[in-house]
Amino acid sequence: MATIRARLPAQARPGETVQVRALIQHPMETGFRRDEAGRAFPRNILKDFTCSYDGAVVFRAEFFPAVAADPFLAFHFVATRSGDVVLSWTEDTGKVFSQTLKIDVT
């Protein structure tokens, strides 16, 4: 199971650039490792990340097998209005992990 840790300022002024920091604890199994019997562990990596702010995508990243376990992301966007910031990671299996943060722009 994945655990998400994310930070975003709770408040911002209109037009202010804010930083999002996000870490997801995920094993990122590439499918190349083998067990004692020689069978490959099934591939299970995060394939993409999306950050939506008030319904619009403001940041997107694509992951590949070379990405380490527990990937950390830090990025900025301009806060224009109060709303939800939704962070979503998708695995190869189609499973989605997400967290919603709120920002108050006054």
N, C-alpha and C. Protein backbone atom coordinates (compact mmCIF):
# COMPACT_ATOMS: atom_id res chain seq x y z
N MET A 1 0.83 -1.19 0.00
CA MET A 1 0.00 0.00 0.00
C MET A 1 0.88 1.25 0.00
N ALA A 2 0.40 2.30 -0.57
CA ALA A 2 1.15 3.55 -0.67
C ALA A 2 0.68 4.53 0.40
N THR A 3 1.65 5.29 0.92
CA THR A 3 1.36 6.34 1.88
C THR A 3 1.79 7.67 1.26
N ILE A 4 0.92 8.67 1.33
CA ILE A 4 1.20 9.97 0.73
C ILE A 4 1.48 11.00 1.82
N ARG A 5 2.53 11.78 1.59
CA ARG A 5 2.81 12.94 2.44
C ARG A 5 2.93 14.14 1.51
N ALA A 6 2.10 15.14 1.74
CA ALA A 6 2.10 16.31 0.85
C ALA A 6 1.98 17.59 1.67
N ARG A 7 2.61 18.64 1.15
CA ARG A 7 2.54 19.96 1.80
C ARG A 7 2.23 21.02 0.77
N LEU A 8 1.41 21.96 1.22
CA LEU A 8 0.99 23.10 0.42
C LEU A 8 0.62 24.19 1.41
N PRO A 9 1.00 25.44 1.14
CA PRO A 9 0.57 26.50 2.08
C PRO A 9 -0.95 26.53 2.18
N ALA A 10 -1.45 26.71 3.38
CA ALA A 10 -2.90 26.76 3.60
C ALA A 10 -3.51 28.02 3.01
N GLN A 11 -2.72 29.11 2.97
CA GLN A 11 -3.22 30.39 2.46
C GLN A 11 -2.21 31.00 1.51
N ALA A 12 -2.73 31.82 0.59
CA ALA A 12 -1.88 32.54 -0.35
C ALA A 12 -2.61 33.80 -0.79
N ARG A 13 -1.85 34.74 -1.31
CA ARG A 13 -2.44 35.95 -1.89
C ARG A 13 -2.70 35.70 -3.38
N PRO A 14 -3.67 36.36 -3.97
CA PRO A 14 -3.92 36.17 -5.41
C PRO A 14 -2.66 36.49 -6.22
N GLY A 15 -2.30 35.60 -7.13
CA GLY A 15 -1.13 35.79 -7.96
C GLY A 15 0.17 35.31 -7.34
N GLU A 16 0.13 34.84 -6.11
CA GLU A 16 1.33 34.36 -5.43
C GLU A 16 1.71 32.97 -5.95
N THR A 17 3.02 32.75 -6.10
CA THR A 17 3.53 31.44 -6.49
C THR A 17 3.68 30.60 -5.23
N VAL A 18 3.08 29.42 -5.25
CA VAL A 18 3.15 28.52 -4.09
C VAL A 18 3.86 27.23 -4.49
N GLN A 19 4.48 26.60 -3.50
CA GLN A 19 5.19 25.35 -3.74
C GLN A 19 4.40 24.18 -3.19
N VAL A 20 4.34 23.12 -3.97
CA VAL A 20 3.76 21.85 -3.54
C VAL A 20 4.92 20.88 -3.39
N ARG A 21 4.94 20.16 -2.27
CA ARG A 21 5.93 19.11 -2.05
C ARG A 21 5.16 17.83 -1.76
N ALA A 22 5.49 16.77 -2.47
CA ALA A 22 4.74 15.53 -2.32
C ALA A 22 5.68 14.33 -2.36
N LEU A 23 5.45 13.41 -1.45
CA LEU A 23 6.20 12.16 -1.39
C LEU A 23 5.20 11.03 -1.28
N ILE A 24 5.41 9.98 -2.05
CA ILE A 24 4.56 8.80 -1.93
C ILE A 24 5.47 7.62 -1.63
N GLN A 25 5.13 6.88 -0.61
CA GLN A 25 5.89 5.68 -0.27
C GLN A 25 5.32 4.54 -1.11
N HIS A 26 6.15 4.07 -2.03
CA HIS A 26 5.74 3.05 -2.98
C HIS A 26 6.96 2.22 -3.36
N PRO A 27 6.87 0.89 -3.42
CA PRO A 27 8.05 0.05 -3.64
C PRO A 27 8.66 0.14 -5.04
N MET A 28 7.91 0.51 -6.07
CA MET A 28 8.42 0.65 -7.43
C MET A 28 9.15 -0.61 -7.89
N GLU A 29 8.45 -1.71 -7.98
CA GLU A 29 9.03 -2.97 -8.44
C GLU A 29 9.13 -2.97 -9.97
N THR A 30 10.35 -3.10 -10.51
CA THR A 30 10.59 -2.99 -11.95
C THR A 30 10.22 -4.22 -12.75
N GLY A 31 10.12 -5.37 -12.10
CA GLY A 31 9.83 -6.61 -12.81
C GLY A 31 11.09 -7.35 -13.22
N PHE A 32 12.27 -6.81 -12.93
CA PHE A 32 13.54 -7.45 -13.28
C PHE A 32 14.11 -8.29 -12.14
N ARG A 33 13.69 -8.00 -10.92
CA ARG A 33 14.19 -8.78 -9.77
C ARG A 33 13.56 -10.16 -9.75
N ARG A 34 14.29 -11.13 -9.20
CA ARG A 34 13.79 -12.51 -9.15
C ARG A 34 13.80 -13.01 -7.70
N ASP A 35 12.86 -13.91 -7.41
CA ASP A 35 12.83 -14.52 -6.09
C ASP A 35 13.79 -15.72 -6.05
N GLU A 36 13.80 -16.44 -4.93
CA GLU A 36 14.71 -17.58 -4.76
C GLU A 36 14.50 -18.67 -5.80
N ALA A 37 13.29 -18.82 -6.29
CA ALA A 37 12.97 -19.84 -7.29
C ALA A 37 13.24 -19.38 -8.72
N GLY A 38 13.69 -18.14 -8.89
CA GLY A 38 14.00 -17.62 -10.22
C GLY A 38 12.84 -16.95 -10.93
N ARG A 39 11.71 -16.83 -10.26
CA ARG A 39 10.54 -16.17 -10.87
C ARG A 39 10.66 -14.67 -10.68
N ALA A 40 10.33 -13.92 -11.72
CA ALA A 40 10.39 -12.46 -11.64
C ALA A 40 9.23 -11.94 -10.79
N PHE A 41 9.54 -10.95 -9.95
CA PHE A 41 8.48 -10.26 -9.22
C PHE A 41 7.67 -9.47 -10.25
N PRO A 42 6.36 -9.42 -10.12
CA PRO A 42 5.57 -8.68 -11.11
C PRO A 42 5.90 -7.18 -11.08
N ARG A 43 5.93 -6.60 -12.25
CA ARG A 43 6.20 -5.16 -12.37
C ARG A 43 5.07 -4.39 -11.71
N ASN A 44 5.43 -3.39 -10.93
CA ASN A 44 4.45 -2.54 -10.25
C ASN A 44 5.11 -1.20 -9.97
N ILE A 45 5.04 -0.31 -10.95
CA ILE A 45 5.63 1.01 -10.77
C ILE A 45 4.53 2.06 -10.92
N LEU A 46 4.81 3.24 -10.40
CA LEU A 46 3.94 4.38 -10.66
C LEU A 46 4.24 4.83 -12.07
N LYS A 47 3.21 5.03 -12.87
CA LYS A 47 3.48 5.43 -14.25
C LYS A 47 3.27 6.92 -14.49
N ASP A 48 2.40 7.56 -13.71
CA ASP A 48 2.27 9.01 -13.88
C ASP A 48 1.72 9.69 -12.64
N PHE A 49 1.93 11.00 -12.61
CA PHE A 49 1.48 11.86 -11.52
C PHE A 49 0.80 13.06 -12.15
N THR A 50 -0.30 13.48 -11.54
CA THR A 50 -1.02 14.66 -12.00
C THR A 50 -1.42 15.51 -10.81
N CYS A 51 -1.25 16.81 -10.95
CA CYS A 51 -1.73 17.77 -9.95
C CYS A 51 -2.75 18.67 -10.62
N SER A 52 -3.97 18.66 -10.07
CA SER A 52 -5.04 19.52 -10.58
C SER A 52 -5.37 20.58 -9.54
N TYR A 53 -5.51 21.80 -10.01
CA TYR A 53 -5.85 22.93 -9.14
C TYR A 53 -7.17 23.49 -9.61
N ASP A 54 -8.17 23.38 -8.78
CA ASP A 54 -9.52 23.86 -9.07
C ASP A 54 -10.02 23.30 -10.41
N GLY A 55 -9.71 22.02 -10.66
CA GLY A 55 -10.21 21.34 -11.85
C GLY A 55 -9.31 21.37 -13.07
N ALA A 56 -8.24 22.17 -13.05
CA ALA A 56 -7.33 22.26 -14.20
C ALA A 56 -5.98 21.63 -13.84
N VAL A 57 -5.39 20.88 -14.77
CA VAL A 57 -4.09 20.27 -14.54
C VAL A 57 -3.02 21.36 -14.57
N VAL A 58 -2.23 21.44 -13.48
CA VAL A 58 -1.16 22.45 -13.41
C VAL A 58 0.23 21.81 -13.45
N PHE A 59 0.31 20.49 -13.23
CA PHE A 59 1.59 19.80 -13.28
C PHE A 59 1.34 18.33 -13.57
N ARG A 60 2.20 17.77 -14.43
CA ARG A 60 2.09 16.36 -14.77
C ARG A 60 3.51 15.79 -14.92
N ALA A 61 3.70 14.55 -14.45
CA ALA A 61 4.99 13.88 -14.58
C ALA A 61 4.75 12.43 -14.98
N GLU A 62 5.66 11.90 -15.81
CA GLU A 62 5.60 10.50 -16.22
C GLU A 62 6.79 9.79 -15.60
N PHE A 63 6.55 8.64 -14.97
CA PHE A 63 7.61 7.88 -14.32
C PHE A 63 8.01 6.68 -15.18
N PHE A 64 9.25 6.23 -14.99
CA PHE A 64 9.80 5.08 -15.71
C PHE A 64 10.43 4.14 -14.69
N PRO A 65 10.76 2.89 -15.08
CA PRO A 65 11.31 1.92 -14.12
C PRO A 65 12.55 2.40 -13.38
N ALA A 66 13.31 3.31 -13.93
CA ALA A 66 14.54 3.77 -13.27
C ALA A 66 14.27 4.70 -12.09
N VAL A 67 13.04 5.14 -11.89
CA VAL A 67 12.71 6.02 -10.76
C VAL A 67 12.79 5.21 -9.47
N ALA A 68 13.43 5.79 -8.48
CA ALA A 68 13.61 5.10 -7.19
C ALA A 68 12.27 4.92 -6.46
N ALA A 69 12.30 4.02 -5.50
CA ALA A 69 11.14 3.85 -4.62
C ALA A 69 10.90 5.15 -3.87
N ASP A 70 9.67 5.38 -3.47
CA ASP A 70 9.28 6.56 -2.69
C ASP A 70 9.63 7.88 -3.40
N PRO A 71 9.14 8.09 -4.63
CA PRO A 71 9.50 9.31 -5.36
C PRO A 71 8.98 10.58 -4.68
N PHE A 72 9.83 11.62 -4.72
CA PHE A 72 9.52 12.93 -4.15
C PHE A 72 9.42 13.93 -5.28
N LEU A 73 8.41 14.79 -5.24
CA LEU A 73 8.23 15.84 -6.24
C LEU A 73 8.07 17.18 -5.54
N ALA A 74 8.63 18.21 -6.13
CA ALA A 74 8.43 19.58 -5.66
C ALA A 74 8.24 20.45 -6.90
N PHE A 75 7.20 21.26 -6.89
CA PHE A 75 6.92 22.12 -8.04
C PHE A 75 6.11 23.32 -7.56
N HIS A 76 5.96 24.31 -8.44
CA HIS A 76 5.26 25.55 -8.11
C HIS A 76 4.09 25.78 -9.07
N PHE A 77 3.10 26.51 -8.60
CA PHE A 77 2.05 27.03 -9.46
C PHE A 77 1.57 28.35 -8.89
N VAL A 78 0.86 29.12 -9.69
CA VAL A 78 0.36 30.43 -9.27
C VAL A 78 -1.05 30.26 -8.72
N ALA A 79 -1.23 30.70 -7.47
CA ALA A 79 -2.54 30.63 -6.82
C ALA A 79 -3.39 31.81 -7.28
N THR A 80 -4.55 31.53 -7.84
CA THR A 80 -5.43 32.60 -8.33
C THR A 80 -6.75 32.69 -7.58
N ARG A 81 -7.19 31.56 -7.02
CA ARG A 81 -8.45 31.54 -6.28
C ARG A 81 -8.45 30.36 -5.31
N SER A 82 -9.30 30.41 -4.33
CA SER A 82 -9.41 29.32 -3.36
C SER A 82 -9.95 28.08 -4.07
N GLY A 83 -9.46 26.93 -3.64
CA GLY A 83 -9.95 25.70 -4.25
C GLY A 83 -9.19 24.48 -3.80
N ASP A 84 -9.50 23.37 -4.43
CA ASP A 84 -8.87 22.09 -4.12
C ASP A 84 -7.66 21.87 -5.00
N VAL A 85 -6.64 21.26 -4.42
CA VAL A 85 -5.46 20.82 -5.15
C VAL A 85 -5.44 19.31 -4.99
N VAL A 86 -5.62 18.60 -6.11
CA VAL A 86 -5.72 17.14 -6.08
C VAL A 86 -4.44 16.55 -6.66
N LEU A 87 -3.77 15.72 -5.85
CA LEU A 87 -2.56 15.04 -6.26
C LEU A 87 -2.92 13.59 -6.54
N SER A 88 -2.57 13.06 -7.73
CA SER A 88 -2.94 11.70 -8.11
C SER A 88 -1.76 10.97 -8.76
N TRP A 89 -1.49 9.77 -8.26
CA TRP A 89 -0.48 8.89 -8.82
C TRP A 89 -1.20 7.67 -9.37
N THR A 90 -0.77 7.16 -10.54
CA THR A 90 -1.38 5.98 -11.13
C THR A 90 -0.31 4.91 -11.33
N GLU A 91 -0.63 3.68 -10.89
CA GLU A 91 0.27 2.54 -11.07
C GLU A 91 0.06 1.91 -12.44
N ASP A 92 1.01 1.04 -12.83
CA ASP A 92 0.85 0.23 -14.04
C ASP A 92 -0.43 -0.59 -13.98
N THR A 93 -0.82 -1.02 -12.79
CA THR A 93 -2.00 -1.86 -12.62
C THR A 93 -3.30 -1.10 -12.80
N GLY A 94 -3.22 0.23 -12.87
CA GLY A 94 -4.41 1.06 -12.99
C GLY A 94 -4.89 1.62 -11.67
N LYS A 95 -4.32 1.15 -10.57
CA LYS A 95 -4.71 1.66 -9.25
C LYS A 95 -4.27 3.11 -9.10
N VAL A 96 -5.15 3.92 -8.54
CA VAL A 96 -4.87 5.36 -8.37
C VAL A 96 -4.80 5.68 -6.89
N PHE A 97 -3.77 6.43 -6.51
CA PHE A 97 -3.61 6.94 -5.15
C PHE A 97 -3.76 8.46 -5.25
N SER A 98 -4.58 9.04 -4.40
CA SER A 98 -4.75 10.49 -4.49
C SER A 98 -4.94 11.11 -3.12
N GLN A 99 -4.65 12.39 -3.07
CA GLN A 99 -4.86 13.19 -1.87
C GLN A 99 -5.34 14.56 -2.30
N THR A 100 -6.29 15.12 -1.57
CA THR A 100 -6.81 16.44 -1.86
C THR A 100 -6.39 17.41 -0.76
N LEU A 101 -5.79 18.52 -1.18
CA LEU A 101 -5.40 19.59 -0.28
C LEU A 101 -6.23 20.82 -0.62
N LYS A 102 -6.38 21.70 0.32
CA LYS A 102 -7.14 22.93 0.08
C LYS A 102 -6.22 24.13 0.24
N ILE A 103 -6.47 25.14 -0.59
CA ILE A 103 -5.75 26.39 -0.47
C ILE A 103 -6.75 27.53 -0.43
N ASP A 104 -6.53 28.47 0.49
CA ASP A 104 -7.40 29.63 0.66
C ASP A 104 -6.66 30.83 0.10
N VAL A 105 -7.18 31.40 -0.98
CA VAL A 105 -6.56 32.58 -1.60
C VAL A 105 -7.38 33.81 -1.24
N THR A 106 -6.76 34.68 -0.45
CA THR A 106 -7.45 35.90 -0.01
C THR A 106 -6.58 37.11 -0.18
